[in-house]
Amino acid sequence: MSNLFFKEIKGSSFYEKDFVVTKLRDFNLNLDLIEDPVRFDIKKFLDLGLHGGDAVHVSIAVKTNCDLIVTFNLKHFLPVKKIIKVNSPVEY
């Protein structure tokens, strides 16, 4: 999870980073906190048609071997569904 992830969560729900991490850990998830997403190559995902933020999320997820991306915006991630599994929170 990147700072962009926490920024988006806070913007839509007002939850702070520590609260989100605690709640996700309640699900026994393996969480990686990414402090410097600049080191991830987003160009190939931008070239597939993702917008900047989504390209950052996918790049980090692929580079760190995440199992899937959970999002309410399934349509935004259609270009990468063959690269990484994408689910809605309801499916997860």
N, C-alpha and C. Protein backbone atom coordinates (compact mmCIF):
# COMPACT_ATOMS: atom_id res chain seq x y z
N MET A 1 0.84 -1.16 0.00
CA MET A 1 0.00 0.00 0.00
C MET A 1 0.89 1.23 0.00
N SER A 2 0.52 2.17 -0.83
CA SER A 2 1.34 3.37 -0.98
C SER A 2 0.67 4.55 -0.28
N ASN A 3 1.42 5.63 -0.20
CA ASN A 3 0.85 6.86 0.34
C ASN A 3 -0.32 7.33 -0.52
N LEU A 4 -0.27 7.05 -1.82
CA LEU A 4 -1.39 7.40 -2.70
C LEU A 4 -2.64 6.64 -2.27
N PHE A 5 -2.49 5.37 -1.95
CA PHE A 5 -3.62 4.56 -1.46
C PHE A 5 -4.24 5.22 -0.23
N PHE A 6 -3.39 5.59 0.75
CA PHE A 6 -3.91 6.18 1.98
C PHE A 6 -4.52 7.55 1.73
N LYS A 7 -3.95 8.29 0.81
CA LYS A 7 -4.52 9.60 0.45
C LYS A 7 -5.92 9.43 -0.14
N GLU A 8 -6.08 8.45 -1.02
CA GLU A 8 -7.39 8.21 -1.63
C GLU A 8 -8.41 7.73 -0.60
N ILE A 9 -7.99 6.87 0.31
CA ILE A 9 -8.88 6.40 1.37
C ILE A 9 -9.31 7.56 2.25
N LYS A 10 -8.36 8.37 2.65
CA LYS A 10 -8.69 9.51 3.51
C LYS A 10 -9.62 10.49 2.80
N GLY A 11 -9.39 10.68 1.51
CA GLY A 11 -10.22 11.61 0.74
C GLY A 11 -11.66 11.15 0.59
N SER A 12 -11.87 9.84 0.56
CA SER A 12 -13.23 9.34 0.37
C SER A 12 -13.91 8.91 1.66
N SER A 13 -13.13 8.61 2.70
CA SER A 13 -13.74 8.11 3.93
C SER A 13 -13.28 8.84 5.19
N PHE A 14 -12.25 9.65 5.07
CA PHE A 14 -11.66 10.39 6.20
C PHE A 14 -10.90 9.51 7.19
N TYR A 15 -10.69 8.23 6.86
CA TYR A 15 -9.93 7.35 7.75
C TYR A 15 -8.45 7.64 7.62
N GLU A 16 -7.76 7.65 8.74
CA GLU A 16 -6.32 7.86 8.78
C GLU A 16 -5.58 6.55 8.50
N LYS A 17 -4.32 6.66 8.11
CA LYS A 17 -3.49 5.51 7.75
C LYS A 17 -3.47 4.44 8.84
N ASP A 18 -3.23 4.82 10.07
CA ASP A 18 -3.13 3.83 11.15
C ASP A 18 -4.42 3.05 11.33
N PHE A 19 -5.55 3.72 11.21
CA PHE A 19 -6.84 3.06 11.33
C PHE A 19 -7.03 2.04 10.21
N VAL A 20 -6.70 2.43 8.98
CA VAL A 20 -6.86 1.55 7.82
C VAL A 20 -5.96 0.32 7.96
N VAL A 21 -4.72 0.52 8.33
CA VAL A 21 -3.78 -0.60 8.49
C VAL A 21 -4.29 -1.56 9.56
N THR A 22 -4.75 -1.03 10.68
CA THR A 22 -5.27 -1.88 11.75
C THR A 22 -6.46 -2.70 11.27
N LYS A 23 -7.39 -2.07 10.57
CA LYS A 23 -8.57 -2.78 10.08
C LYS A 23 -8.19 -3.86 9.07
N LEU A 24 -7.26 -3.56 8.16
CA LEU A 24 -6.85 -4.56 7.17
C LEU A 24 -6.11 -5.72 7.82
N ARG A 25 -5.34 -5.44 8.83
CA ARG A 25 -4.63 -6.51 9.54
C ARG A 25 -5.60 -7.44 10.28
N ASP A 26 -6.78 -6.93 10.61
CA ASP A 26 -7.80 -7.78 11.22
C ASP A 26 -8.21 -8.92 10.29
N PHE A 27 -7.99 -8.76 8.98
CA PHE A 27 -8.30 -9.80 7.99
C PHE A 27 -7.13 -10.75 7.77
N ASN A 28 -6.08 -10.61 8.56
CA ASN A 28 -4.87 -11.44 8.43
C ASN A 28 -4.25 -11.33 7.05
N LEU A 29 -4.26 -10.14 6.49
CA LEU A 29 -3.66 -9.91 5.19
C LEU A 29 -2.17 -9.63 5.35
N ASN A 30 -1.40 -10.03 4.36
CA ASN A 30 0.01 -9.67 4.31
C ASN A 30 0.09 -8.29 3.68
N LEU A 31 0.48 -7.29 4.45
CA LEU A 31 0.48 -5.91 3.98
C LEU A 31 1.90 -5.43 3.76
N ASP A 32 2.14 -4.84 2.60
CA ASP A 32 3.41 -4.18 2.31
C ASP A 32 3.14 -2.69 2.22
N LEU A 33 3.85 -1.93 3.02
CA LEU A 33 3.72 -0.48 2.98
C LEU A 33 4.84 0.08 2.12
N ILE A 34 4.47 0.72 1.02
CA ILE A 34 5.44 1.25 0.05
C ILE A 34 5.60 2.73 0.29
N GLU A 35 6.79 3.14 0.68
CA GLU A 35 7.03 4.55 0.98
C GLU A 35 7.45 5.35 -0.24
N ASP A 36 8.07 4.70 -1.24
CA ASP A 36 8.62 5.43 -2.37
C ASP A 36 8.17 4.82 -3.70
N PRO A 37 6.93 5.13 -4.15
CA PRO A 37 6.45 4.54 -5.40
C PRO A 37 7.16 5.04 -6.64
N VAL A 38 8.00 6.05 -6.52
CA VAL A 38 8.70 6.59 -7.68
C VAL A 38 9.58 5.53 -8.33
N ARG A 39 10.05 4.59 -7.56
CA ARG A 39 10.95 3.56 -8.12
C ARG A 39 10.21 2.52 -8.96
N PHE A 40 8.89 2.61 -9.05
CA PHE A 40 8.11 1.68 -9.84
C PHE A 40 7.83 2.27 -11.21
N ASP A 41 7.99 1.45 -12.24
CA ASP A 41 7.79 1.90 -13.62
C ASP A 41 6.31 1.88 -13.97
N ILE A 42 5.71 3.06 -14.14
CA ILE A 42 4.28 3.11 -14.47
C ILE A 42 4.02 3.29 -15.96
N LYS A 43 5.07 3.56 -16.75
CA LYS A 43 4.87 3.89 -18.16
C LYS A 43 4.10 2.82 -18.92
N LYS A 44 4.43 1.55 -18.72
CA LYS A 44 3.75 0.51 -19.48
C LYS A 44 2.26 0.45 -19.15
N PHE A 45 1.90 0.82 -17.92
CA PHE A 45 0.49 0.81 -17.55
C PHE A 45 -0.23 2.07 -18.04
N LEU A 46 0.48 3.17 -18.10
CA LEU A 46 -0.07 4.37 -18.73
C LEU A 46 -0.32 4.10 -20.21
N ASP A 47 0.62 3.40 -20.85
CA ASP A 47 0.49 3.06 -22.28
C ASP A 47 -0.70 2.14 -22.54
N LEU A 48 -1.11 1.37 -21.53
CA LEU A 48 -2.29 0.51 -21.67
C LEU A 48 -3.59 1.27 -21.48
N GLY A 49 -3.49 2.54 -21.05
CA GLY A 49 -4.68 3.37 -20.92
C GLY A 49 -5.11 3.69 -19.51
N LEU A 50 -4.34 3.27 -18.51
CA LEU A 50 -4.68 3.63 -17.14
C LEU A 50 -4.31 5.09 -16.87
N HIS A 51 -5.07 5.75 -16.01
CA HIS A 51 -4.67 7.10 -15.64
C HIS A 51 -3.60 7.00 -14.55
N GLY A 52 -2.97 8.11 -14.25
CA GLY A 52 -1.78 8.13 -13.39
C GLY A 52 -1.88 7.37 -12.09
N GLY A 53 -2.91 7.67 -11.29
CA GLY A 53 -3.04 7.00 -9.99
C GLY A 53 -3.24 5.52 -10.12
N ASP A 54 -4.08 5.11 -11.06
CA ASP A 54 -4.32 3.67 -11.26
C ASP A 54 -3.05 2.98 -11.75
N ALA A 55 -2.29 3.65 -12.60
CA ALA A 55 -1.03 3.08 -13.09
C ALA A 55 -0.05 2.87 -11.93
N VAL A 56 -0.03 3.80 -10.99
CA VAL A 56 0.83 3.65 -9.81
C VAL A 56 0.39 2.44 -9.00
N HIS A 57 -0.91 2.32 -8.75
CA HIS A 57 -1.41 1.18 -7.98
C HIS A 57 -1.06 -0.15 -8.64
N VAL A 58 -1.27 -0.25 -9.94
CA VAL A 58 -0.99 -1.51 -10.65
C VAL A 58 0.50 -1.79 -10.67
N SER A 59 1.30 -0.78 -10.93
CA SER A 59 2.74 -0.97 -10.96
C SER A 59 3.27 -1.51 -9.63
N ILE A 60 2.82 -0.91 -8.54
CA ILE A 60 3.24 -1.37 -7.22
C ILE A 60 2.74 -2.80 -6.97
N ALA A 61 1.49 -3.06 -7.31
CA ALA A 61 0.92 -4.39 -7.08
C ALA A 61 1.67 -5.47 -7.86
N VAL A 62 1.97 -5.20 -9.12
CA VAL A 62 2.68 -6.18 -9.96
C VAL A 62 4.11 -6.37 -9.45
N LYS A 63 4.79 -5.27 -9.17
CA LYS A 63 6.19 -5.34 -8.75
C LYS A 63 6.35 -6.06 -7.41
N THR A 64 5.36 -5.94 -6.54
CA THR A 64 5.47 -6.56 -5.21
C THR A 64 4.72 -7.89 -5.14
N ASN A 65 4.31 -8.41 -6.31
CA ASN A 65 3.65 -9.72 -6.40
C ASN A 65 2.35 -9.83 -5.61
N CYS A 66 1.56 -8.78 -5.64
CA CYS A 66 0.24 -8.83 -4.99
C CYS A 66 -0.64 -9.84 -5.71
N ASP A 67 -1.54 -10.43 -4.97
CA ASP A 67 -2.47 -11.39 -5.55
C ASP A 67 -3.56 -10.70 -6.36
N LEU A 68 -3.99 -9.53 -5.90
CA LEU A 68 -5.08 -8.84 -6.58
C LEU A 68 -5.17 -7.39 -6.13
N ILE A 69 -5.94 -6.64 -6.91
CA ILE A 69 -6.28 -5.26 -6.56
C ILE A 69 -7.76 -5.25 -6.21
N VAL A 70 -8.10 -4.59 -5.13
CA VAL A 70 -9.50 -4.44 -4.73
C VAL A 70 -9.89 -2.99 -4.97
N THR A 71 -10.95 -2.79 -5.76
CA THR A 71 -11.36 -1.44 -6.13
C THR A 71 -12.85 -1.37 -6.42
N PHE A 72 -13.43 -0.19 -6.21
CA PHE A 72 -14.80 0.05 -6.64
C PHE A 72 -14.85 0.42 -8.12
N ASN A 73 -13.70 0.76 -8.69
CA ASN A 73 -13.61 1.23 -10.08
C ASN A 73 -13.13 0.13 -11.03
N LEU A 74 -13.88 -0.94 -11.11
CA LEU A 74 -13.47 -2.07 -11.95
C LEU A 74 -13.22 -1.66 -13.40
N LYS A 75 -14.04 -0.76 -13.92
CA LYS A 75 -13.89 -0.34 -15.32
C LYS A 75 -12.52 0.27 -15.57
N HIS A 76 -11.99 0.98 -14.60
CA HIS A 76 -10.69 1.64 -14.78
C HIS A 76 -9.56 0.64 -14.97
N PHE A 77 -9.76 -0.57 -14.47
CA PHE A 77 -8.69 -1.56 -14.49
C PHE A 77 -8.87 -2.64 -15.56
N LEU A 78 -9.84 -2.48 -16.44
CA LEU A 78 -10.04 -3.45 -17.52
C LEU A 78 -8.79 -3.69 -18.35
N PRO A 79 -8.00 -2.66 -18.66
CA PRO A 79 -6.81 -2.90 -19.49
C PRO A 79 -5.76 -3.82 -18.87
N VAL A 80 -5.84 -4.06 -17.57
CA VAL A 80 -4.81 -4.89 -16.93
C VAL A 80 -5.36 -6.18 -16.33
N LYS A 81 -6.59 -6.53 -16.68
CA LYS A 81 -7.18 -7.72 -16.06
C LYS A 81 -6.46 -9.01 -16.43
N LYS A 82 -5.67 -9.00 -17.51
CA LYS A 82 -4.87 -10.19 -17.85
C LYS A 82 -3.52 -10.18 -17.14
N ILE A 83 -3.19 -9.06 -16.51
CA ILE A 83 -1.91 -8.92 -15.83
C ILE A 83 -2.05 -9.18 -14.33
N ILE A 84 -3.13 -8.69 -13.76
CA ILE A 84 -3.38 -8.86 -12.33
C ILE A 84 -4.89 -8.97 -12.10
N LYS A 85 -5.25 -9.81 -11.16
CA LYS A 85 -6.66 -9.99 -10.82
C LYS A 85 -7.20 -8.72 -10.16
N VAL A 86 -8.41 -8.32 -10.55
CA VAL A 86 -9.04 -7.12 -10.00
C VAL A 86 -10.44 -7.49 -9.53
N ASN A 87 -10.73 -7.23 -8.26
CA ASN A 87 -12.03 -7.53 -7.67
C ASN A 87 -12.64 -6.29 -7.06
N SER A 88 -13.95 -6.30 -6.92
CA SER A 88 -14.61 -5.27 -6.14
C SER A 88 -14.57 -5.68 -4.67
N PRO A 89 -14.77 -4.76 -3.75
CA PRO A 89 -14.79 -5.15 -2.33
C PRO A 89 -15.86 -6.19 -2.02
N VAL A 90 -16.95 -6.17 -2.75
CA VAL A 90 -18.03 -7.15 -2.54
C VAL A 90 -17.54 -8.55 -2.89
N GLU A 91 -16.77 -8.68 -3.97
CA GLU A 91 -16.24 -9.99 -4.38
C GLU A 91 -15.18 -10.49 -3.42
N TYR A 92 -14.46 -9.59 -2.83
CA TYR A 92 -13.37 -9.98 -1.95
C TYR A 92 -13.92 -10.43 -0.63
